[in-house]
N, C-alpha and C. Protein backbone atom coordinates (compact mmCIF):
# COMPACT_ATOMS: atom_id res chain seq x y z
N MET A 1 23.05 295.30 220.06
CA MET A 1 22.32 295.13 218.83
C MET A 1 20.98 294.47 219.11
N ASN A 2 20.16 294.58 218.17
CA ASN A 2 18.83 294.01 218.27
C ASN A 2 18.92 292.48 218.23
N PRO A 3 18.24 291.79 219.16
CA PRO A 3 18.31 290.32 219.15
C PRO A 3 17.74 289.72 217.86
N HIS A 4 16.82 290.43 217.22
CA HIS A 4 16.27 289.92 215.97
C HIS A 4 17.35 289.90 214.88
N PHE A 5 18.26 290.86 214.93
CA PHE A 5 19.36 290.90 213.97
C PHE A 5 20.24 289.67 214.12
N HIS A 6 20.56 289.31 215.36
CA HIS A 6 21.38 288.12 215.62
C HIS A 6 20.68 286.86 215.12
N ASP A 7 19.39 286.79 215.38
CA ASP A 7 18.63 285.64 214.90
C ASP A 7 18.65 285.57 213.38
N THR A 8 18.50 286.72 212.73
CA THR A 8 18.48 286.77 211.27
C THR A 8 19.82 286.31 210.71
N VAL A 9 20.92 286.77 211.29
CA VAL A 9 22.25 286.37 210.83
C VAL A 9 22.43 284.87 211.01
N TYR A 10 22.00 284.34 212.14
CA TYR A 10 22.12 282.91 212.41
C TYR A 10 21.38 282.10 211.34
N TYR A 11 20.14 282.47 211.08
CA TYR A 11 19.34 281.70 210.12
C TYR A 11 19.84 281.86 208.68
N LEU A 12 20.41 283.01 208.36
CA LEU A 12 21.00 283.18 207.02
C LEU A 12 22.22 282.29 206.84
N LYS A 13 23.06 282.23 207.88
CA LYS A 13 24.23 281.36 207.81
C LYS A 13 23.81 279.89 207.68
N ARG A 14 22.81 279.52 208.46
CA ARG A 14 22.32 278.15 208.43
C ARG A 14 21.73 277.80 207.07
N ALA A 15 20.97 278.73 206.49
CA ALA A 15 20.38 278.51 205.17
C ALA A 15 21.48 278.36 204.12
N GLY A 16 22.52 279.19 204.21
CA GLY A 16 23.63 279.10 203.27
C GLY A 16 24.35 277.77 203.39
N TYR A 17 24.55 277.32 204.61
CA TYR A 17 25.21 276.03 204.86
C TYR A 17 24.41 274.90 204.22
N HIS A 18 23.11 274.89 204.48
CA HIS A 18 22.26 273.82 203.95
C HIS A 18 22.15 273.90 202.42
N ALA A 19 22.13 275.09 201.88
CA ALA A 19 22.06 275.24 200.42
C ALA A 19 23.34 274.69 199.78
N LYS A 20 24.48 275.00 200.38
CA LYS A 20 25.76 274.51 199.86
C LYS A 20 25.81 272.99 199.88
N HIS A 21 25.44 272.39 201.01
CA HIS A 21 25.50 270.95 201.12
C HIS A 21 24.46 270.27 200.23
N GLY A 22 23.32 270.87 200.07
CA GLY A 22 22.32 270.31 199.15
C GLY A 22 22.82 270.33 197.72
N ALA A 23 23.46 271.43 197.32
CA ALA A 23 23.99 271.53 195.97
C ALA A 23 25.11 270.51 195.76
N LEU A 24 25.96 270.33 196.76
CA LEU A 24 27.05 269.34 196.64
C LEU A 24 26.50 267.92 196.52
N GLU A 25 25.46 267.61 197.28
CA GLU A 25 24.85 266.28 197.18
C GLU A 25 24.28 266.05 195.80
N SER A 26 23.62 267.06 195.26
CA SER A 26 23.06 266.94 193.91
C SER A 26 24.16 266.75 192.89
N TYR A 27 25.23 267.51 193.03
CA TYR A 27 26.36 267.42 192.11
C TYR A 27 26.99 266.04 192.17
N GLU A 28 27.16 265.50 193.39
CA GLU A 28 27.76 264.18 193.55
C GLU A 28 26.88 263.10 192.95
N SER A 29 25.56 263.22 193.10
CA SER A 29 24.68 262.20 192.53
C SER A 29 24.73 262.25 191.00
N ILE A 30 24.84 263.45 190.43
CA ILE A 30 24.96 263.57 188.98
C ILE A 30 26.28 262.95 188.52
N GLN A 31 27.36 263.22 189.23
CA GLN A 31 28.64 262.63 188.88
C GLN A 31 28.57 261.11 188.95
N HIS A 32 27.90 260.61 189.97
CA HIS A 32 27.79 259.16 190.14
C HIS A 32 27.02 258.55 188.98
N ARG A 33 25.93 259.19 188.57
CA ARG A 33 25.14 258.67 187.45
C ARG A 33 25.92 258.72 186.14
N LEU A 34 26.72 259.76 185.96
CA LEU A 34 27.49 259.89 184.73
C LEU A 34 28.74 259.02 184.74
N GLY A 35 29.13 258.56 185.92
CA GLY A 35 30.30 257.71 186.02
C GLY A 35 31.60 258.48 186.00
N THR A 36 31.54 259.79 186.27
CA THR A 36 32.77 260.57 186.29
C THR A 36 33.35 260.54 187.69
N LYS A 37 34.65 260.62 187.74
CA LYS A 37 35.35 260.61 189.02
C LYS A 37 35.66 262.05 189.42
N PRO A 38 35.29 262.44 190.64
CA PRO A 38 35.57 263.82 191.06
C PRO A 38 37.07 264.06 191.18
N GLU A 39 37.48 265.27 190.88
CA GLU A 39 38.89 265.61 191.01
C GLU A 39 39.25 265.70 192.48
N PRO A 40 40.46 265.26 192.83
CA PRO A 40 40.86 265.32 194.24
C PRO A 40 41.00 266.77 194.71
N THR A 41 40.70 266.97 195.99
CA THR A 41 40.86 268.29 196.57
C THR A 41 42.33 268.57 196.81
N ARG A 42 42.65 269.80 197.11
CA ARG A 42 44.05 270.14 197.39
C ARG A 42 44.57 269.34 198.57
N ALA A 43 43.73 269.19 199.59
CA ALA A 43 44.15 268.46 200.79
C ALA A 43 44.46 267.00 200.44
N GLU A 44 43.64 266.39 199.58
CA GLU A 44 43.90 265.01 199.18
C GLU A 44 45.19 264.89 198.38
N VAL A 45 45.45 265.85 197.52
CA VAL A 45 46.69 265.84 196.73
C VAL A 45 47.89 265.96 197.65
N VAL A 46 47.81 266.88 198.62
CA VAL A 46 48.92 267.08 199.56
C VAL A 46 49.13 265.83 200.39
N ARG A 47 48.02 265.21 200.88
CA ARG A 47 48.14 263.99 201.66
C ARG A 47 48.84 262.89 200.86
N HIS A 48 48.49 262.77 199.60
CA HIS A 48 49.10 261.76 198.74
C HIS A 48 50.60 262.02 198.58
N ARG A 49 50.95 263.27 198.33
CA ARG A 49 52.36 263.62 198.14
C ARG A 49 53.17 263.41 199.42
N VAL A 50 52.57 263.77 200.55
CA VAL A 50 53.25 263.58 201.84
C VAL A 50 53.48 262.09 202.07
N GLY A 51 52.50 261.27 201.72
CA GLY A 51 52.66 259.82 201.86
C GLY A 51 53.79 259.30 201.01
N GLN A 52 53.90 259.82 199.78
CA GLN A 52 54.99 259.39 198.91
C GLN A 52 56.34 259.79 199.50
N VAL A 53 56.44 261.02 199.97
CA VAL A 53 57.70 261.50 200.54
C VAL A 53 58.04 260.72 201.80
N ARG A 54 57.04 260.43 202.61
CA ARG A 54 57.27 259.66 203.84
C ARG A 54 57.80 258.27 203.49
N GLY A 55 57.25 257.66 202.46
CA GLY A 55 57.73 256.34 202.04
C GLY A 55 59.17 256.38 201.56
N ARG A 56 59.49 257.39 200.77
CA ARG A 56 60.88 257.53 200.29
C ARG A 56 61.83 257.79 201.44
N ALA A 57 61.40 258.63 202.38
CA ALA A 57 62.27 258.97 203.52
C ALA A 57 62.52 257.74 204.38
N SER A 58 61.48 256.94 204.65
CA SER A 58 61.71 255.77 205.49
C SER A 58 62.56 254.73 204.76
N ALA A 59 62.45 254.65 203.45
CA ALA A 59 63.32 253.75 202.69
C ALA A 59 64.77 254.21 202.78
N ALA A 60 64.97 255.52 202.67
CA ALA A 60 66.33 256.06 202.77
C ALA A 60 66.91 255.85 204.17
N VAL A 61 66.10 256.05 205.19
CA VAL A 61 66.57 255.84 206.57
C VAL A 61 66.93 254.37 206.78
N GLY A 62 66.12 253.47 206.25
CA GLY A 62 66.43 252.04 206.37
C GLY A 62 67.74 251.69 205.70
N THR A 63 67.98 252.26 204.53
CA THR A 63 69.23 252.02 203.82
C THR A 63 70.42 252.51 204.63
N VAL A 64 70.29 253.71 205.18
CA VAL A 64 71.39 254.28 205.98
C VAL A 64 71.62 253.45 207.23
N ARG A 65 70.56 253.00 207.88
CA ARG A 65 70.73 252.18 209.09
C ARG A 65 71.45 250.87 208.78
N ARG A 66 71.07 250.24 207.67
CA ARG A 66 71.75 249.00 207.30
C ARG A 66 73.22 249.26 206.99
N SER A 67 73.49 250.36 206.30
CA SER A 67 74.86 250.70 205.95
C SER A 67 75.69 250.98 207.19
N VAL A 68 75.13 251.73 208.12
CA VAL A 68 75.85 252.05 209.36
C VAL A 68 76.04 250.78 210.18
N GLY A 69 75.05 249.92 210.19
CA GLY A 69 75.17 248.66 210.93
C GLY A 69 76.28 247.80 210.38
N ARG A 70 76.39 247.74 209.06
CA ARG A 70 77.46 246.94 208.44
C ARG A 70 78.82 247.53 208.76
N ARG A 71 78.93 248.84 208.68
CA ARG A 71 80.23 249.49 208.98
C ARG A 71 80.62 249.30 210.43
N ALA A 72 79.64 249.36 211.32
CA ALA A 72 79.94 249.18 212.74
C ALA A 72 80.42 247.76 213.02
N SER A 73 79.81 246.78 212.36
CA SER A 73 80.23 245.39 212.60
C SER A 73 81.61 245.12 212.01
N VAL A 74 81.92 245.75 210.88
CA VAL A 74 83.24 245.58 210.26
C VAL A 74 84.32 246.21 211.14
N SER A 75 84.06 247.42 211.65
CA SER A 75 85.07 248.08 212.48
C SER A 75 85.24 247.37 213.82
N SER A 76 84.20 246.77 214.37
CA SER A 76 84.36 246.04 215.64
C SER A 76 85.14 244.75 215.44
N GLU A 77 85.02 244.15 214.22
CA GLU A 77 85.80 242.94 213.93
C GLU A 77 87.28 243.29 213.80
N ARG A 78 87.57 244.46 213.24
CA ARG A 78 88.96 244.89 213.06
C ARG A 78 89.61 245.18 214.39
N ASN A 79 88.86 245.72 215.33
CA ASN A 79 89.40 246.07 216.65
C ASN A 79 89.59 244.85 217.54
N ALA A 80 88.97 243.76 217.22
CA ALA A 80 89.03 242.57 218.09
C ALA A 80 90.28 241.76 217.88
């Protein structure tokens, strides 16, 4: 292909990237001035939910470990 074509594609992608980020910056500054809170992204929502599930899971594991520990100590006392 023509090297000018590659250059053109590169600069178009770069211009699109900068236009997107410029628009996002403008949008964020408007939100900041209005005092509105941006909605969380999907990734942020998923991260929050995973954190909640992780907390519940570790609480459940702790409960099971304590329960198993108590049962093990009771059965060792019976065998002694």
